[in-house]
Amino acid sequence: MLDIKNGDLLVAGASEYPIRSRAFYPNSQGVAGMMFSDAYIPCSTKRARVDGSGDEIKLDPSLGLTCTPLWPADPQKTATVVLDTPVTLLQTYLPDTDGFFELLVEELQR
């Protein structure tokens, strides 16, 4: 199973999106495989890590992933996410061998 946590970054195209919320759904009779068979884009995730001195932050990438294109998140799901900045929440799905992840990510409003 993929190791994805809130606070990681989703990298899709040339943009990075902070992950605000994630949910894992176990694979039920190949639903994840059918869901992602036609529409997906390359993506990766990054996790910030502090080195031994506590000063530097390094990003460890998880490469070679795919996700559905990002689209505006379902309003029912965004009602429970507290936003610190003026952002739009986007939604995407990542397939995994054991099922799939549903991610809510931030896109900064400009």
C-alpha atoms as a PDB file:
ATOM      1  CA  MET A   1       0.000   0.000   0.000  1.00  0.00           C
ATOM      2  CA  LEU A   2       1.196   3.517  -0.785  1.00  0.00           C
ATOM      3  CA  ASP A   3       2.428   5.595   2.154  1.00  0.00           C
ATOM      4  CA  ILE A   4       0.483   8.852   1.682  1.00  0.00           C
ATOM      5  CA  LYS A   5      -0.199  11.216   4.582  1.00  0.00           C
ATOM      6  CA  ASN A   6      -1.921  14.562   5.070  1.00  0.00           C
ATOM      7  CA  GLY A   7       0.679  17.285   4.517  1.00  0.00           C
ATOM      8  CA  ASP A   8       2.503  15.448   1.711  1.00  0.00           C
ATOM      9  CA  LEU A   9       2.643  17.141  -1.679  1.00  0.00           C
ATOM     10  CA  LEU A  10       0.989  15.753  -4.800  1.00  0.00           C
ATOM     11  CA  VAL A  11       2.984  16.674  -7.908  1.00  0.00           C
ATOM     12  CA  ALA A  12       0.913  16.652 -11.115  1.00  0.00           C
ATOM     13  CA  GLY A  13       2.345  18.281 -14.188  1.00  0.00           C
ATOM     14  CA  ALA A  14       4.515  21.205 -13.104  1.00  0.00           C
ATOM     15  CA  SER A  15       2.391  22.003 -10.031  1.00  0.00           C
ATOM     16  CA  GLU A  16       2.602  20.898  -6.406  1.00  0.00           C
ATOM     17  CA  TYR A  17      -0.570  20.536  -4.335  1.00  0.00           C
ATOM     18  CA  PRO A  18      -0.554  20.080  -0.540  1.00  0.00           C
ATOM     19  CA  ILE A  19      -2.661  17.074   0.475  1.00  0.00           C
ATOM     20  CA  ARG A  20      -5.301  18.199   2.990  1.00  0.00           C
ATOM     21  CA  SER A  21      -7.287  14.990   3.323  1.00  0.00           C
ATOM     22  CA  ARG A  22      -6.962  11.399   2.168  1.00  0.00           C
ATOM     23  CA  ALA A  23      -9.086   8.283   2.370  1.00  0.00           C
ATOM     24  CA  PHE A  24      -8.246   4.722   1.366  1.00  0.00           C
ATOM     25  CA  TYR A  25     -10.831   2.392  -0.150  1.00  0.00           C
ATOM     26  CA  PRO A  26      -9.972  -1.323  -0.364  1.00  0.00           C
ATOM     27  CA  ASN A  27     -10.266  -2.911  -3.792  1.00  0.00           C
ATOM     28  CA  SER A  28     -13.669  -4.510  -4.125  1.00  0.00           C
ATOM     29  CA  GLN A  29     -13.968  -6.878  -7.105  1.00  0.00           C
ATOM     30  CA  GLY A  30     -11.626  -4.830  -9.297  1.00  0.00           C
ATOM     31  CA  VAL A  31     -13.440  -1.498  -8.897  1.00  0.00           C
ATOM     32  CA  ALA A  32     -10.156   0.423  -8.702  1.00  0.00           C
ATOM     33  CA  GLY A  33      -8.853  -1.204 -11.884  1.00  0.00           C
ATOM     34  CA  MET A  34     -11.990  -0.312 -13.833  1.00  0.00           C
ATOM     35  CA  MET A  35     -12.051   3.215 -12.447  1.00  0.00           C
ATOM     36  CA  PHE A  36      -8.528   4.012 -13.638  1.00  0.00           C
ATOM     37  CA  SER A  37      -8.342   2.055 -16.864  1.00  0.00           C
ATOM     38  CA  ASP A  38      -9.022   4.995 -19.229  1.00  0.00           C
ATOM     39  CA  ALA A  39      -8.293   8.345 -17.584  1.00  0.00           C
ATOM     40  CA  TYR A  40      -5.116   8.969 -15.658  1.00  0.00           C
ATOM     41  CA  ILE A  41      -2.113  11.294 -15.621  1.00  0.00           C
ATOM     42  CA  PRO A  42       1.417  10.772 -14.299  1.00  0.00           C
ATOM     43  CA  CYS A  43       2.007  12.118 -10.807  1.00  0.00           C
ATOM     44  CA  SER A  44       4.212  11.714  -7.759  1.00  0.00           C
ATOM     45  CA  THR A  45       4.161  12.584  -4.080  1.00  0.00           C
ATOM     46  CA  LYS A  46       6.746  14.277  -1.874  1.00  0.00           C
ATOM     47  CA  ARG A  47       7.221  14.210   1.877  1.00  0.00           C
ATOM     48  CA  ALA A  48       9.249  16.798   3.771  1.00  0.00           C
ATOM     49  CA  ARG A  49      11.959  15.356   6.004  1.00  0.00           C
ATOM     50  CA  VAL A  50      14.190  17.247   8.442  1.00  0.00           C
ATOM     51  CA  ASP A  51      17.818  16.155   8.462  1.00  0.00           C
ATOM     52  CA  GLY A  52      19.883  15.443  11.594  1.00  0.00           C
ATOM     53  CA  SER A  53      20.666  19.108  12.330  1.00  0.00           C
ATOM     54  CA  GLY A  54      16.976  20.008  12.304  1.00  0.00           C
ATOM     55  CA  ASP A  55      17.588  22.919   9.923  1.00  0.00           C
ATOM     56  CA  GLU A  56      17.430  21.559   6.382  1.00  0.00           C
ATOM     57  CA  ILE A  57      14.322  20.138   4.844  1.00  0.00           C
ATOM     58  CA  LYS A  58      14.694  17.541   2.124  1.00  0.00           C
ATOM     59  CA  LEU A  59      11.852  16.242  -0.002  1.00  0.00           C
ATOM     60  CA  ASP A  60      11.724  12.491  -0.564  1.00  0.00           C
ATOM     61  CA  PRO A  61       9.823  11.797  -3.793  1.00  0.00           C
ATOM     62  CA  SER A  62       7.596   8.829  -4.535  1.00  0.00           C
ATOM     63  CA  LEU A  63       7.702   8.580  -8.328  1.00  0.00           C
ATOM     64  CA  GLY A  64       5.939   6.589 -11.016  1.00  0.00           C
ATOM     65  CA  LEU A  65       2.360   7.020  -9.776  1.00  0.00           C
ATOM     66  CA  THR A  66      -0.794   7.806 -11.731  1.00  0.00           C
ATOM     67  CA  CYS A  67      -3.914   9.704 -10.714  1.00  0.00           C
ATOM     68  CA  THR A  68      -7.130  10.913 -12.247  1.00  0.00           C
ATOM     69  CA  PRO A  69      -7.116  14.520 -13.507  1.00  0.00           C
ATOM     70  CA  LEU A  70      -7.790  17.019 -10.722  1.00  0.00           C
ATOM     71  CA  TRP A  71     -11.257  18.573 -10.572  1.00  0.00           C
ATOM     72  CA  PRO A  72     -13.144  20.686  -7.995  1.00  0.00           C
ATOM     73  CA  ALA A  73     -13.900  18.690  -4.861  1.00  0.00           C
ATOM     74  CA  ASP A  74     -17.389  17.644  -3.830  1.00  0.00           C
ATOM     75  CA  PRO A  75     -18.831  20.417  -1.564  1.00  0.00           C
ATOM     76  CA  GLN A  76     -19.986  17.831   0.985  1.00  0.00           C
ATOM     77  CA  LYS A  77     -16.389  16.692   1.439  1.00  0.00           C
ATOM     78  CA  THR A  78     -14.917  20.183   1.679  1.00  0.00           C
ATOM     79  CA  ALA A  79     -17.225  21.208   4.534  1.00  0.00           C
ATOM     80  CA  THR A  80     -15.114  19.234   7.018  1.00  0.00           C
ATOM     81  CA  VAL A  81     -11.705  20.585   5.907  1.00  0.00           C
ATOM     82  CA  VAL A  82     -10.439  23.706   7.707  1.00  0.00           C
ATOM     83  CA  LEU A  83      -8.668  26.067   5.309  1.00  0.00           C
ATOM     84  CA  ASP A  84      -5.907  28.403   6.504  1.00  0.00           C
ATOM     85  CA  THR A  85      -5.545  30.342   3.245  1.00  0.00           C
ATOM     86  CA  PRO A  86      -7.737  31.285   0.275  1.00  0.00           C
ATOM     87  CA  VAL A  87      -7.576  28.044  -1.684  1.00  0.00           C
ATOM     88  CA  THR A  88      -9.692  25.864  -3.918  1.00  0.00           C
ATOM     89  CA  LEU A  89      -9.914  22.208  -2.963  1.00  0.00           C
ATOM     90  CA  LEU A  90      -9.422  19.745  -5.785  1.00  0.00           C
ATOM     91  CA  GLN A  91     -10.116  16.025  -5.785  1.00  0.00           C
ATOM     92  CA  THR A  92      -8.245  13.118  -7.385  1.00  0.00           C
ATOM     93  CA  TYR A  93      -7.910   9.351  -7.081  1.00  0.00           C
ATOM     94  CA  LEU A  94      -4.704   7.270  -7.022  1.00  0.00           C
ATOM     95  CA  PRO A  95      -4.875   3.547  -7.771  1.00  0.00           C
ATOM     96  CA  ASP A  96      -2.963   1.140  -5.537  1.00  0.00           C
ATOM     97  CA  THR A  97      -2.517  -2.625  -5.599  1.00  0.00           C
ATOM     98  CA  ASP A  98      -4.842  -2.958  -2.594  1.00  0.00           C
ATOM     99  CA  GLY A  99      -7.501  -0.427  -3.673  1.00  0.00           C
ATOM    100  CA  PHE A 100      -7.386   3.318  -4.267  1.00  0.00           C
ATOM    101  CA  PHE A 101      -6.826   6.616  -2.448  1.00  0.00           C
ATOM    102  CA  GLU A 102      -9.151   9.592  -2.658  1.00  0.00           C
ATOM    103  CA  LEU A 103      -7.194  12.830  -2.104  1.00  0.00           C
ATOM    104  CA  LEU A 104      -8.330  16.387  -1.443  1.00  0.00           C
ATOM    105  CA  VAL A 105      -5.567  18.821  -2.381  1.00  0.00           C
ATOM    106  CA  GLU A 106      -5.172  22.607  -2.199  1.00  0.00           C
ATOM    107  CA  GLU A 107      -4.792  24.934  -5.163  1.00  0.00           C
ATOM    108  CA  LEU A 108      -3.877  28.490  -4.155  1.00  0.00           C
ATOM    109  CA  GLN A 109      -6.291  31.091  -5.545  1.00  0.00           C
ATOM    110  CA  ARG A 110      -4.516  33.845  -7.461  1.00  0.00           C
END
